[in-house]
Structure formats: C-alpha cells, structure tokens
C-alpha cells in the first residue's frame, strides 16, 4: 500500500472544517456595450474579473464601494468580494450599462 501524499492529507483536513471553501474566480465580459452576465451571484472571498472586449474604454463603478477607473479596450480589472451584500454598478462613461453583483456567504 502506498502512503498518501502530505499535500492530499492537508487538503482533506482543510476541507473537513465547516465553512472552509476554496475561492472561485468569475468573469464578467464587457461586450456590445453591456456587462455579460448583467447579474451575478458570488460567495464572499470570490474574485470577479471584468474583461473589456469592446473597442472603447469602460468602468465598473459602484459609488462609495468600488471603482475600476478606466478599463481600456482589451484590458481587465478584478475585485475580491470581502463582504456580503448587493452591488449595483454602472459604467460611468456609459450610464446605460448596468450590472448587479450579489455577494453571499
């Protein structure tokens, strides 16, 4: 019988603790002057990456909460969900572009 690698044992031990979960990365595509998906639910600790596939710059902004500043065409911006709640965000250059991010436990 082969010994179990230490890394596998540590991973199993960590996963057995209640509330322990690996963080995920989610992608929101900025394309066609829209956030796709327009609504996204993630868990606290997850990372959201906005990728600008348009030919013009955009922002991802919820006043007082987060602001990507200018995301150039072809560029990305990421944000880590450290708290829970609902975030309604817009592109400050194109206020008709709206998105919703819900962060749960």
PDB file of N, CA and C in Angstrom:
ATOM      1  N   UNK A   1       0.833  -1.168   0.000  1.00  0.00           N
ATOM      2  CA  UNK A   1       0.000   0.000   0.000  1.00  0.00           C
ATOM      3  C   UNK A   1       0.891   1.248   0.000  1.00  0.00           C
ATOM      4  N   UNK A   2       0.547   2.216  -0.854  1.00  0.00           N
ATOM      5  CA  UNK A   2       1.321   3.446  -0.979  1.00  0.00           C
ATOM      6  C   UNK A   2       0.902   4.454   0.095  1.00  0.00           C
ATOM      7  N   UNK A   3       1.857   5.222   0.599  1.00  0.00           N
ATOM      8  CA  UNK A   3       1.492   6.268   1.560  1.00  0.00           C
ATOM      9  C   UNK A   3       0.758   7.412   0.836  1.00  0.00           C
ATOM     10  N   UNK A   4      -0.149   8.066   1.542  1.00  0.00           N
ATOM     11  CA  UNK A   4      -0.886   9.194   0.979  1.00  0.00           C
ATOM     12  C   UNK A   4       0.002  10.432   1.066  1.00  0.00           C
ATOM     13  N   UNK A   5       0.141  11.172  -0.042  1.00  0.00           N
ATOM     14  CA  UNK A   5       0.981  12.374  -0.015  1.00  0.00           C
ATOM     15  C   UNK A   5       0.479  13.375   1.025  1.00  0.00           C
ATOM     16  N   UNK A   6       1.409  14.062   1.667  1.00  0.00           N
ATOM     17  CA  UNK A   6       1.088  15.025   2.710  1.00  0.00           C
ATOM     18  C   UNK A   6       0.150  16.119   2.198  1.00  0.00           C
ATOM     19  N   UNK A   7       0.364  16.569   0.980  1.00  0.00           N
ATOM     20  CA  UNK A   7      -0.496  17.638   0.445  1.00  0.00           C
ATOM     21  C   UNK A   7      -1.944  17.174   0.342  1.00  0.00           C
ATOM     22  N   UNK A   8      -2.157  15.930  -0.012  1.00  0.00           N
ATOM     23  CA  UNK A   8      -3.519  15.397  -0.106  1.00  0.00           C
ATOM     24  C   UNK A   8      -4.156  15.314   1.282  1.00  0.00           C
ATOM     25  N   UNK A   9      -3.367  14.917   2.275  1.00  0.00           N
ATOM     26  CA  UNK A   9      -3.881  14.856   3.646  1.00  0.00           C
ATOM     27  C   UNK A   9      -4.247  16.241   4.165  1.00  0.00           C
ATOM     28  N   UNK A  10      -3.398  17.232   3.889  1.00  0.00           N
ATOM     29  CA  UNK A  10      -3.674  18.598   4.337  1.00  0.00           C
ATOM     30  C   UNK A  10      -4.921  19.155   3.658  1.00  0.00           C
ATOM     31  N   UNK A  11      -5.058  18.911   2.377  1.00  0.00           N
ATOM     32  CA  UNK A  11      -6.239  19.388   1.661  1.00  0.00           C
ATOM     33  C   UNK A  11      -7.502  18.755   2.227  1.00  0.00           C
ATOM     34  N   UNK A  12      -7.474  17.464   2.488  1.00  0.00           N
ATOM     35  CA  UNK A  12      -8.640  16.788   3.059  1.00  0.00           C
ATOM     36  C   UNK A  12      -8.963  17.339   4.438  1.00  0.00           C
ATOM     37  N   UNK A  13      -7.949  17.618   5.222  1.00  0.00           N
ATOM     38  CA  UNK A  13      -8.170  18.164   6.568  1.00  0.00           C
ATOM     39  C   UNK A  13      -8.800  19.547   6.492  1.00  0.00           C
ATOM     40  N   UNK A  14      -8.305  20.400   5.618  1.00  0.00           N
ATOM     41  CA  UNK A  14      -8.865  21.744   5.487  1.00  0.00           C
ATOM     42  C   UNK A  14     -10.309  21.713   5.011  1.00  0.00           C
ATOM     43  N   UNK A  15     -10.599  20.859   4.056  1.00  0.00           N
ATOM     44  CA  UNK A  15     -11.953  20.777   3.523  1.00  0.00           C
ATOM     45  C   UNK A  15     -12.943  20.213   4.526  1.00  0.00           C
ATOM     46  N   UNK A  16     -12.464  19.546   5.552  1.00  0.00           N
ATOM     47  CA  UNK A  16     -13.368  18.977   6.543  1.00  0.00           C
ATOM     48  C   UNK A  16     -13.843  20.005   7.561  1.00  0.00           C
ATOM     49  N   UNK A  17     -13.181  21.181   7.617  1.00  0.00           N
ATOM     50  CA  UNK A  17     -13.609  22.216   8.551  1.00  0.00           C
ATOM     51  C   UNK A  17     -14.874  22.888   8.027  1.00  0.00           C
ATOM     52  N   UNK A  18     -15.895  23.069   8.887  1.00  0.00           N
ATOM     53  CA  UNK A  18     -17.120  23.754   8.460  1.00  0.00           C
ATOM     54  C   UNK A  18     -16.796  25.177   8.024  1.00  0.00           C
ATOM     55  N   UNK A  19     -17.423  25.608   6.945  1.00  0.00           N
ATOM     56  CA  UNK A  19     -17.236  26.973   6.468  1.00  0.00           C
ATOM     57  C   UNK A  19     -16.021  27.170   5.590  1.00  0.00           C
ATOM     58  N   UNK A  20     -15.164  26.147   5.479  1.00  0.00           N
ATOM     59  CA  UNK A  20     -13.984  26.308   4.639  1.00  0.00           C
ATOM     60  C   UNK A  20     -14.351  25.961   3.206  1.00  0.00           C
ATOM     61  N   UNK A  21     -14.079  26.849   2.317  1.00  0.00           N
ATOM     62  CA  UNK A  21     -14.334  26.591   0.895  1.00  0.00           C
ATOM     63  C   UNK A  21     -13.259  27.310   0.090  1.00  0.00           C
ATOM     64  N   UNK A  22     -12.928  26.762  -1.024  1.00  0.00           N
ATOM     65  CA  UNK A  22     -11.970  27.401  -1.903  1.00  0.00           C
ATOM     66  C   UNK A  22     -12.652  28.559  -2.619  1.00  0.00           C
ATOM     67  N   UNK A  23     -11.948  29.636  -2.820  1.00  0.00           N
ATOM     68  CA  UNK A  23     -12.497  30.786  -3.513  1.00  0.00           C
ATOM     69  C   UNK A  23     -12.527  30.516  -5.008  1.00  0.00           C
ATOM     70  N   UNK A  24     -13.514  31.102  -5.654  1.00  0.00           N
ATOM     71  CA  UNK A  24     -13.674  30.929  -7.096  1.00  0.00           C
ATOM     72  C   UNK A  24     -13.395  32.253  -7.802  1.00  0.00           C
ATOM     73  N   UNK A  25     -13.108  32.168  -9.085  1.00  0.00           N
ATOM     74  CA  UNK A  25     -12.959  33.347  -9.923  1.00  0.00           C
ATOM     75  C   UNK A  25     -14.075  33.345 -10.951  1.00  0.00           C
ATOM     76  N   UNK A  26     -14.756  34.483 -11.077  1.00  0.00           N
ATOM     77  CA  UNK A  26     -15.875  34.639 -12.011  1.00  0.00           C
ATOM     78  C   UNK A  26     -15.500  35.718 -13.024  1.00  0.00           C
ATOM     79  N   UNK A  27     -15.961  35.562 -14.258  1.00  0.00           N
ATOM     80  CA  UNK A  27     -15.642  36.530 -15.307  1.00  0.00           C
ATOM     81  C   UNK A  27     -16.919  37.196 -15.793  1.00  0.00           C
ATOM     82  N   UNK A  28     -16.873  38.527 -15.850  1.00  0.00           N
ATOM     83  CA  UNK A  28     -17.936  39.313 -16.471  1.00  0.00           C
ATOM     84  C   UNK A  28     -17.321  39.925 -17.724  1.00  0.00           C
ATOM     85  N   UNK A  29     -17.893  39.612 -18.854  1.00  0.00           N
ATOM     86  CA  UNK A  29     -17.396  40.134 -20.128  1.00  0.00           C
ATOM     87  C   UNK A  29     -18.069  41.480 -20.378  1.00  0.00           C
ATOM     88  N   UNK A  30     -17.298  42.465 -20.760  1.00  0.00           N
ATOM     89  CA  UNK A  30     -17.846  43.753 -21.181  1.00  0.00           C
ATOM     90  C   UNK A  30     -17.797  43.724 -22.702  1.00  0.00           C
ATOM     91  N   UNK A  31     -18.979  43.598 -23.284  1.00  0.00           N
ATOM     92  CA  UNK A  31     -19.044  43.363 -24.729  1.00  0.00           C
ATOM     93  C   UNK A  31     -20.365  43.891 -25.272  1.00  0.00           C
ATOM     94  N   UNK A  32     -20.301  44.549 -26.430  1.00  0.00           N
ATOM     95  CA  UNK A  32     -21.535  45.063 -27.039  1.00  0.00           C
ATOM     96  C   UNK A  32     -22.199  46.109 -26.162  1.00  0.00           C
ATOM     97  N   UNK A  33     -21.368  46.887 -25.442  1.00  0.00           N
ATOM     98  CA  UNK A  33     -21.849  47.937 -24.547  1.00  0.00           C
ATOM     99  C   UNK A  33     -22.753  47.381 -23.450  1.00  0.00           C
ATOM    100  N   UNK A  34     -22.385  46.199 -22.932  1.00  0.00           N
ATOM    101  CA  UNK A  34     -23.159  45.561 -21.861  1.00  0.00           C
ATOM    102  C   UNK A  34     -22.244  44.704 -21.003  1.00  0.00           C
ATOM    103  N   UNK A  35     -22.655  44.506 -19.752  1.00  0.00           N
ATOM    104  CA  UNK A  35     -21.987  43.576 -18.847  1.00  0.00           C
ATOM    105  C   UNK A  35     -22.654  42.212 -19.028  1.00  0.00           C
ATOM    106  N   UNK A  36     -21.862  41.186 -19.299  1.00  0.00           N
ATOM    107  CA  UNK A  36     -22.403  39.841 -19.534  1.00  0.00           C
ATOM    108  C   UNK A  36     -21.721  38.842 -18.622  1.00  0.00           C
ATOM    109  N   UNK A  37     -22.420  38.277 -17.637  1.00  0.00           N
ATOM    110  CA  UNK A  37     -23.840  38.454 -17.362  1.00  0.00           C
ATOM    111  C   UNK A  37     -24.098  39.785 -16.665  1.00  0.00           C
ATOM    112  N   UNK A  38     -25.323  40.281 -16.807  1.00  0.00           N
ATOM    113  CA  UNK A  38     -25.705  41.543 -16.175  1.00  0.00           C
ATOM    114  C   UNK A  38     -25.899  41.363 -14.670  1.00  0.00           C
ATOM    115  N   UNK A  39     -26.226  40.159 -14.248  1.00  0.00           N
ATOM    116  CA  UNK A  39     -26.391  39.866 -12.818  1.00  0.00           C
ATOM    117  C   UNK A  39     -25.575  38.627 -12.489  1.00  0.00           C
ATOM    118  N   UNK A  40     -24.883  38.681 -11.356  1.00  0.00           N
ATOM    119  CA  UNK A  40     -24.007  37.586 -10.954  1.00  0.00           C
ATOM    120  C   UNK A  40     -24.055  37.445  -9.440  1.00  0.00           C
ATOM    121  N   UNK A  41     -24.137  36.207  -8.960  1.00  0.00           N
ATOM    122  CA  UNK A  41     -24.082  35.925  -7.532  1.00  0.00           C
ATOM    123  C   UNK A  41     -22.810  35.158  -7.244  1.00  0.00           C
ATOM    124  N   UNK A  42     -22.051  35.624  -6.258  1.00  0.00           N
ATOM    125  CA  UNK A  42     -20.786  35.008  -5.880  1.00  0.00           C
ATOM    126  C   UNK A  42     -20.767  34.821  -4.371  1.00  0.00           C
ATOM    127  N   UNK A  43     -19.736  34.157  -3.884  1.00  0.00           N
ATOM    128  CA  UNK A  43     -19.558  33.977  -2.446  1.00  0.00           C
ATOM    129  C   UNK A  43     -18.486  34.931  -1.943  1.00  0.00           C
ATOM    130  N   UNK A  44     -18.590  35.262  -0.661  1.00  0.00           N
ATOM    131  CA  UNK A  44     -17.568  36.105  -0.046  1.00  0.00           C
ATOM    132  C   UNK A  44     -16.207  35.424  -0.211  1.00  0.00           C
ATOM    133  N   UNK A  45     -15.215  36.187  -0.614  1.00  0.00           N
ATOM    134  CA  UNK A  45     -13.877  35.660  -0.868  1.00  0.00           C
ATOM    135  C   UNK A  45     -13.614  35.372  -2.330  1.00  0.00           C
ATOM    136  N   UNK A  46     -14.677  35.271  -3.126  1.00  0.00           N
ATOM    137  CA  UNK A  46     -14.500  35.038  -4.563  1.00  0.00           C
ATOM    138  C   UNK A  46     -13.925  36.286  -5.236  1.00  0.00           C
ATOM    139  N   UNK A  47     -13.355  36.087  -6.408  1.00  0.00           N
ATOM    140  CA  UNK A  47     -12.809  37.181  -7.208  1.00  0.00           C
ATOM    141  C   UNK A  47     -13.642  37.311  -8.474  1.00  0.00           C
ATOM    142  N   UNK A  48     -13.970  38.547  -8.814  1.00  0.00           N
ATOM    143  CA  UNK A  48     -14.690  38.820 -10.056  1.00  0.00           C
ATOM    144  C   UNK A  48     -13.741  39.589 -10.969  1.00  0.00           C
ATOM    145  N   UNK A  49     -13.645  39.130 -12.213  1.00  0.00           N
ATOM    146  CA  UNK A  49     -12.787  39.776 -13.211  1.00  0.00           C
ATOM    147  C   UNK A  49     -13.675  40.306 -14.324  1.00  0.00           C
ATOM    148  N   UNK A  50     -13.575  41.595 -14.596  1.00  0.00           N
ATOM    149  CA  UNK A  50     -14.282  42.198 -15.718  1.00  0.00           C
ATOM    150  C   UNK A  50     -13.301  42.325 -16.865  1.00  0.00           C
ATOM    151  N   UNK A  51     -13.659  41.761 -18.024  1.00  0.00           N
ATOM    152  CA  UNK A  51     -12.805  41.782 -19.218  1.00  0.00           C
ATOM    153  C   UNK A  51     -13.452  42.666 -20.276  1.00  0.00           C
ATOM    154  N   UNK A  52     -12.758  43.707 -20.690  1.00  0.00           N
ATOM    155  CA  UNK A  52     -13.309  44.627 -21.678  1.00  0.00           C
ATOM    156  C   UNK A  52     -13.008  44.138 -23.093  1.00  0.00           C
ATOM    157  N   UNK A  53     -14.037  43.590 -23.740  1.00  0.00           N
ATOM    158  CA  UNK A  53     -13.899  43.099 -25.112  1.00  0.00           C
ATOM    159  C   UNK A  53     -14.410  44.121 -26.124  1.00  0.00           C
ATOM    160  N   UNK A  54     -14.827  45.290 -25.652  1.00  0.00           N
ATOM    161  CA  UNK A  54     -15.266  46.351 -26.558  1.00  0.00           C
ATOM    162  C   UNK A  54     -14.060  47.128 -27.074  1.00  0.00           C
ATOM    163  N   UNK A  55     -14.301  48.003 -28.042  1.00  0.00           N
ATOM    164  CA  UNK A  55     -13.212  48.814 -28.605  1.00  0.00           C
ATOM    165  C   UNK A  55     -13.087  50.168 -27.916  1.00  0.00           C
ATOM    166  N   UNK A  56     -13.953  50.413 -26.941  1.00  0.00           N
ATOM    167  CA  UNK A  56     -13.916  51.669 -26.189  1.00  0.00           C
ATOM    168  C   UNK A  56     -13.683  51.359 -24.711  1.00  0.00           C
ATOM    169  N   UNK A  57     -13.154  52.315 -23.957  1.00  0.00           N
ATOM    170  CA  UNK A  57     -12.945  52.082 -22.522  1.00  0.00           C
ATOM    171  C   UNK A  57     -14.264  52.093 -21.748  1.00  0.00           C
ATOM    172  N   UNK A  58     -14.238  51.425 -20.592  1.00  0.00           N
ATOM    173  CA  UNK A  58     -15.394  51.371 -19.700  1.00  0.00           C
ATOM    174  C   UNK A  58     -14.903  51.463 -18.263  1.00  0.00           C
ATOM    175  N   UNK A  59     -15.854  51.588 -17.329  1.00  0.00           N
ATOM    176  CA  UNK A  59     -15.544  51.480 -15.915  1.00  0.00           C
ATOM    177  C   UNK A  59     -16.527  50.501 -15.276  1.00  0.00           C
ATOM    178  N   UNK A  60     -16.181  50.040 -14.105  1.00  0.00           N
ATOM    179  CA  UNK A  60     -17.062  49.233 -13.257  1.00  0.00           C
ATOM    180  C   UNK A  60     -17.105  50.007 -11.942  1.00  0.00           C
ATOM    181  N   UNK A  61     -18.225  50.672 -11.691  1.00  0.00           N
ATOM    182  CA  UNK A  61     -18.275  51.620 -10.581  1.00  0.00           C
ATOM    183  C   UNK A  61     -19.559  51.493  -9.767  1.00  0.00           C
ATOM    184  N   UNK A  62     -19.394  51.320  -8.459  1.00  0.00           N
ATOM    185  CA  UNK A  62     -20.478  51.499  -7.511  1.00  0.00           C
ATOM    186  C   UNK A  62     -20.002  52.598  -6.576  1.00  0.00           C
ATOM    187  N   UNK A  63     -20.559  53.797  -6.710  1.00  0.00           N
ATOM    188  CA  UNK A  63     -20.062  54.929  -5.920  1.00  0.00           C
ATOM    189  C   UNK A  63     -19.958  54.596  -4.427  1.00  0.00           C
ATOM    190  N   UNK A  64     -18.792  54.913  -3.873  1.00  0.00           N
ATOM    191  CA  UNK A  64     -18.550  54.676  -2.464  1.00  0.00           C
ATOM    192  C   UNK A  64     -18.154  53.254  -2.107  1.00  0.00           C
ATOM    193  N   UNK A  65     -18.206  52.334  -3.071  1.00  0.00           N
ATOM    194  CA  UNK A  65     -17.887  50.921  -2.801  1.00  0.00           C
ATOM    195  C   UNK A  65     -16.655  50.459  -3.585  1.00  0.00           C
ATOM    196  N   UNK A  66     -16.717  50.589  -4.905  1.00  0.00           N
ATOM    197  CA  UNK A  66     -15.568  50.230  -5.727  1.00  0.00           C
ATOM    198  C   UNK A  66     -15.602  51.013  -7.035  1.00  0.00           C
ATOM    199  N   UNK A  67     -14.422  51.197  -7.620  1.00  0.00           N
ATOM    200  CA  UNK A  67     -14.297  51.912  -8.887  1.00  0.00           C
ATOM    201  C   UNK A  67     -13.055  51.415  -9.614  1.00  0.00           C
ATOM    202  N   UNK A  68     -13.274  50.849 -10.758  1.00  0.00           N
ATOM    203  CA  UNK A  68     -12.167  50.297 -11.540  1.00  0.00           C
ATOM    204  C   UNK A  68     -11.315  51.368 -12.185  1.00  0.00           C
ATOM    205  N   UNK A  69     -11.813  52.586 -12.233  1.00  0.00           N
ATOM    206  CA  UNK A  69     -11.222  53.639 -13.074  1.00  0.00           C
ATOM    207  C   UNK A  69     -11.355  53.161 -14.524  1.00  0.00           C
ATOM    208  N   UNK A  70     -10.578  53.676 -15.433  1.00  0.00           N
ATOM    209  CA  UNK A  70     -10.719  53.320 -16.844  1.00  0.00           C
ATOM    210  C   UNK A  70     -10.180  51.919 -17.126  1.00  0.00           C
ATOM    211  N   UNK A  71     -11.018  51.083 -17.744  1.00  0.00           N
ATOM    212  CA  UNK A  71     -10.580  49.767 -18.230  1.00  0.00           C
ATOM    213  C   UNK A  71     -10.470  49.903 -19.745  1.00  0.00           C
ATOM    214  N   UNK A  72      -9.267  49.943 -20.249  1.00  0.00           N
ATOM    215  CA  UNK A  72      -9.042  50.123 -21.682  1.00  0.00           C
ATOM    216  C   UNK A  72      -9.551  48.912 -22.470  1.00  0.00           C
ATOM    217  N   UNK A  73      -9.758  49.115 -23.764  1.00  0.00           N
ATOM    218  CA  UNK A  73     -10.146  48.017 -24.642  1.00  0.00           C
ATOM    219  C   UNK A  73      -9.111  46.904 -24.526  1.00  0.00           C
ATOM    220  N   UNK A  74      -9.572  45.688 -24.320  1.00  0.00           N
ATOM    221  CA  UNK A  74      -8.685  44.538 -24.204  1.00  0.00           C
ATOM    222  C   UNK A  74      -8.102  44.328 -22.809  1.00  0.00           C
ATOM    223  N   UNK A  75      -8.392  45.227 -21.883  1.00  0.00           N
ATOM    224  CA  UNK A  75      -7.839  45.122 -20.534  1.00  0.00           C
ATOM    225  C   UNK A  75      -8.834  44.462 -19.571  1.00  0.00           C
ATOM    226  N   UNK A  76      -8.347  44.166 -18.357  1.00  0.00           N
ATOM    227  CA  UNK A  76      -9.154  43.506 -17.330  1.00  0.00           C
ATOM    228  C   UNK A  76      -9.012  44.261 -16.019  1.00  0.00           C
ATOM    229  N   UNK A  77     -10.005  44.063 -15.140  1.00  0.00           N
ATOM    230  CA  UNK A  77      -9.940  44.599 -13.783  1.00  0.00           C
ATOM    231  C   UNK A  77     -10.574  43.581 -12.855  1.00  0.00           C
ATOM    232  N   UNK A  78      -9.978  43.343 -11.705  1.00  0.00           N
ATOM    233  CA  UNK A  78     -10.534  42.352 -10.784  1.00  0.00           C
ATOM    234  C   UNK A  78     -10.821  42.970  -9.429  1.00  0.00           C
ATOM    235  N   UNK A  79     -11.755  42.334  -8.708  1.00  0.00           N
ATOM    236  CA  UNK A  79     -12.194  42.797  -7.397  1.00  0.00           C
ATOM    237  C   UNK A  79     -12.510  41.584  -6.550  1.00  0.00           C
ATOM    238  N   UNK A  80     -12.043  41.599  -5.306  1.00  0.00           N
ATOM    239  CA  UNK A  80     -12.302  40.493  -4.389  1.00  0.00           C
ATOM    240  C   UNK A  80     -13.479  40.858  -3.494  1.00  0.00           C
ATOM    241  N   UNK A  81     -14.451  39.953  -3.416  1.00  0.00           N
ATOM    242  CA  UNK A  81     -15.648  40.156  -2.607  1.00  0.00           C
ATOM    243  C   UNK A  81     -15.313  39.880  -1.145  1.00  0.00           C
ATOM    244  N   UNK A  82     -15.064  40.933  -0.380  1.00  0.00           N
ATOM    245  CA  UNK A  82     -14.670  40.752   1.015  1.00  0.00           C
ATOM    246  C   UNK A  82     -15.852  40.808   1.977  1.00  0.00           C
ATOM    247  N   UNK A  83     -16.947  41.386   1.572  1.00  0.00           N
ATOM    248  CA  UNK A  83     -18.135  41.455   2.411  1.00  0.00           C
ATOM    249  C   UNK A  83     -19.331  40.901   1.668  1.00  0.00           C
ATOM    250  N   UNK A  84     -20.466  40.846   2.321  1.00  0.00           N
ATOM    251  CA  UNK A  84     -21.678  40.357   1.672  1.00  0.00           C
ATOM    252  C   UNK A  84     -22.580  41.535   1.324  1.00  0.00           C
ATOM    253  N   UNK A  85     -23.508  41.303   0.418  1.00  0.00           N
ATOM    254  CA  UNK A  85     -24.472  42.339   0.061  1.00  0.00           C
ATOM    255  C   UNK A  85     -24.662  42.454  -1.443  1.00  0.00           C
ATOM    256  N   UNK A  86     -25.498  43.408  -1.808  1.00  0.00           N
ATOM    257  CA  UNK A  86     -25.837  43.647  -3.210  1.00  0.00           C
ATOM    258  C   UNK A  86     -25.076  44.878  -3.699  1.00  0.00           C
ATOM    259  N   UNK A  87     -24.513  44.767  -4.893  1.00  0.00           N
ATOM    260  CA  UNK A  87     -23.777  45.872  -5.507  1.00  0.00           C
ATOM    261  C   UNK A  87     -24.370  46.151  -6.884  1.00  0.00           C
ATOM    262  N   UNK A  88     -24.972  47.313  -7.025  1.00  0.00           N
ATOM    263  CA  UNK A  88     -25.471  47.754  -8.330  1.00  0.00           C
ATOM    264  C   UNK A  88     -24.418  48.699  -8.897  1.00  0.00           C
ATOM    265  N   UNK A  89     -23.854  48.323 -10.030  1.00  0.00           N
ATOM    266  CA  UNK A  89     -22.757  49.106 -10.593  1.00  0.00           C
ATOM    267  C   UNK A  89     -23.073  49.568 -12.005  1.00  0.00           C
ATOM    268  N   UNK A  90     -22.323  50.551 -12.476  1.00  0.00           N
ATOM    269  CA  UNK A  90     -22.512  51.124 -13.807  1.00  0.00           C
ATOM    270  C   UNK A  90     -21.151  51.388 -14.441  1.00  0.00           C
ATOM    271  N   UNK A  91     -21.200  51.685 -15.719  1.00  0.00           N
ATOM    272  CA  UNK A  91     -20.041  52.251 -16.411  1.00  0.00           C
ATOM    273  C   UNK A  91     -20.247  53.761 -16.377  1.00  0.00           C
ATOM    274  N   UNK A  92     -19.318  54.493 -15.775  1.00  0.00           N
ATOM    275  CA  UNK A  92     -19.508  55.936 -15.659  1.00  0.00           C
ATOM    276  C   UNK A  92     -19.438  56.647 -17.017  1.00  0.00           C
ATOM    277  N   UNK A  93     -18.803  56.027 -18.000  1.00  0.00           N
ATOM    278  CA  UNK A  93     -18.761  56.608 -19.340  1.00  0.00           C
ATOM    279  C   UNK A  93     -20.068  56.369 -20.097  1.00  0.00           C
ATOM    280  N   UNK A  94     -20.747  55.275 -19.775  1.00  0.00           N
ATOM    281  CA  UNK A  94     -21.968  54.858 -20.472  1.00  0.00           C
ATOM    282  C   UNK A  94     -23.000  54.443 -19.417  1.00  0.00           C
ATOM    283  N   UNK A  95     -23.692  55.402 -18.799  1.00  0.00           N
ATOM    284  CA  UNK A  95     -24.574  55.126 -17.658  1.00  0.00           C
ATOM    285  C   UNK A  95     -25.702  54.136 -17.940  1.00  0.00           C
ATOM    286  N   UNK A  96     -25.977  53.867 -19.201  1.00  0.00           N
ATOM    287  CA  UNK A  96     -26.991  52.864 -19.543  1.00  0.00           C
ATOM    288  C   UNK A  96     -26.492  51.440 -19.321  1.00  0.00           C
ATOM    289  N   UNK A  97     -25.192  51.291 -19.159  1.00  0.00           N
ATOM    290  CA  UNK A  97     -24.603  49.977 -18.885  1.00  0.00           C
ATOM    291  C   UNK A  97     -24.667  49.735 -17.381  1.00  0.00           C
ATOM    292  N   UNK A  98     -25.483  48.762 -16.985  1.00  0.00           N
ATOM    293  CA  UNK A  98     -25.671  48.495 -15.562  1.00  0.00           C
ATOM    294  C   UNK A  98     -25.468  47.011 -15.272  1.00  0.00           C
ATOM    295  N   UNK A  99     -24.998  46.728 -14.072  1.00  0.00           N
ATOM    296  CA  UNK A  99     -24.829  45.351 -13.638  1.00  0.00           C
ATOM    297  C   UNK A  99     -25.151  45.217 -12.161  1.00  0.00           C
ATOM    298  N   UNK A 100     -25.400  43.999 -11.747  1.00  0.00           N
ATOM    299  CA  UNK A 100     -25.679  43.709 -10.338  1.00  0.00           C
ATOM    300  C   UNK A 100     -24.810  42.544  -9.904  1.00  0.00           C
ATOM    301  N   UNK A 101     -24.187  42.730  -8.764  1.00  0.00           N
ATOM    302  CA  UNK A 101     -23.353  41.687  -8.167  1.00  0.00           C
ATOM    303  C   UNK A 101     -23.878  41.438  -6.760  1.00  0.00           C
ATOM    304  N   UNK A 102     -24.248  40.196  -6.476  1.00  0.00           N
ATOM    305  CA  UNK A 102     -24.721  39.832  -5.141  1.00  0.00           C
ATOM    306  C   UNK A 102     -23.675  38.929  -4.508  1.00  0.00           C
ATOM    307  N   UNK A 103     -23.205  39.326  -3.328  1.00  0.00           N
ATOM    308  CA  UNK A 103     -22.194  38.553  -2.614  1.00  0.00           C
ATOM    309  C   UNK A 103     -22.859  37.916  -1.396  1.00  0.00           C
ATOM    310  N   UNK A 104     -22.860  36.590  -1.377  1.00  0.00           N
ATOM    311  CA  UNK A 104     -23.442  35.836  -0.267  1.00  0.00           C
ATOM    312  C   UNK A 104     -22.354  35.208   0.581  1.00  0.00           C
ATOM    313  N   UNK A 105     -22.795  34.486   1.595  1.00  0.00           N
ATOM    314  CA  UNK A 105     -21.848  33.792   2.491  1.00  0.00           C
ATOM    315  C   UNK A 105     -21.206  32.728   1.706  1.00  0.00           C
TER     316      UNK A 105
END
